[in-house]
């Protein structure tokens, strides 16, 4: 048991759906790429480097996670595809979180709204609406905890950040 951190990262701004055959294929805009790089810079500067990154397989989420990895200068092997996170509900995201191995003290989940914002809104003893913008993050911390036993409500703190002012 130790300190755990779960960072939820909404993908950067994506191109309109009409330009693609499927929603999974939507790419980031240039602004979305800048937003993802801003998140990576902030994580690197604040020494909040994740031990594991779980990303939805959608192009926009996977690309966001790859940009964060490059900007943080961390090993690309830390990213794993999480197909269950594609447009996932809070329950689907949380099911995967409680299955995490204890060696991952800081996990970053790169996925989609509305599930990420809904989960972020549950962090802490008093629920608080947290609407994540593109490339916005919500980072929850649990002290003296194990992934198998934490709940969103048992988080000791939650920090929310928008990269817009840095992109």
Foldseek 3Di string as FASTA:
>chain_A
DFKAKEKEWEFFAWDDPVVDPDQLAIAHDVRRLQLLLLLLQVCLVVVVDWQAEEEANRNRQVSSVVNSCVSNVHDPVRYDYDNCQEAHALVSVLVVQLVDDQVGRYYYYYHHPPRRQVLLQQAEQHGDRDDADHRKMKMFMAGPDHSNPDDRHRTPDIDIDGSVVPD
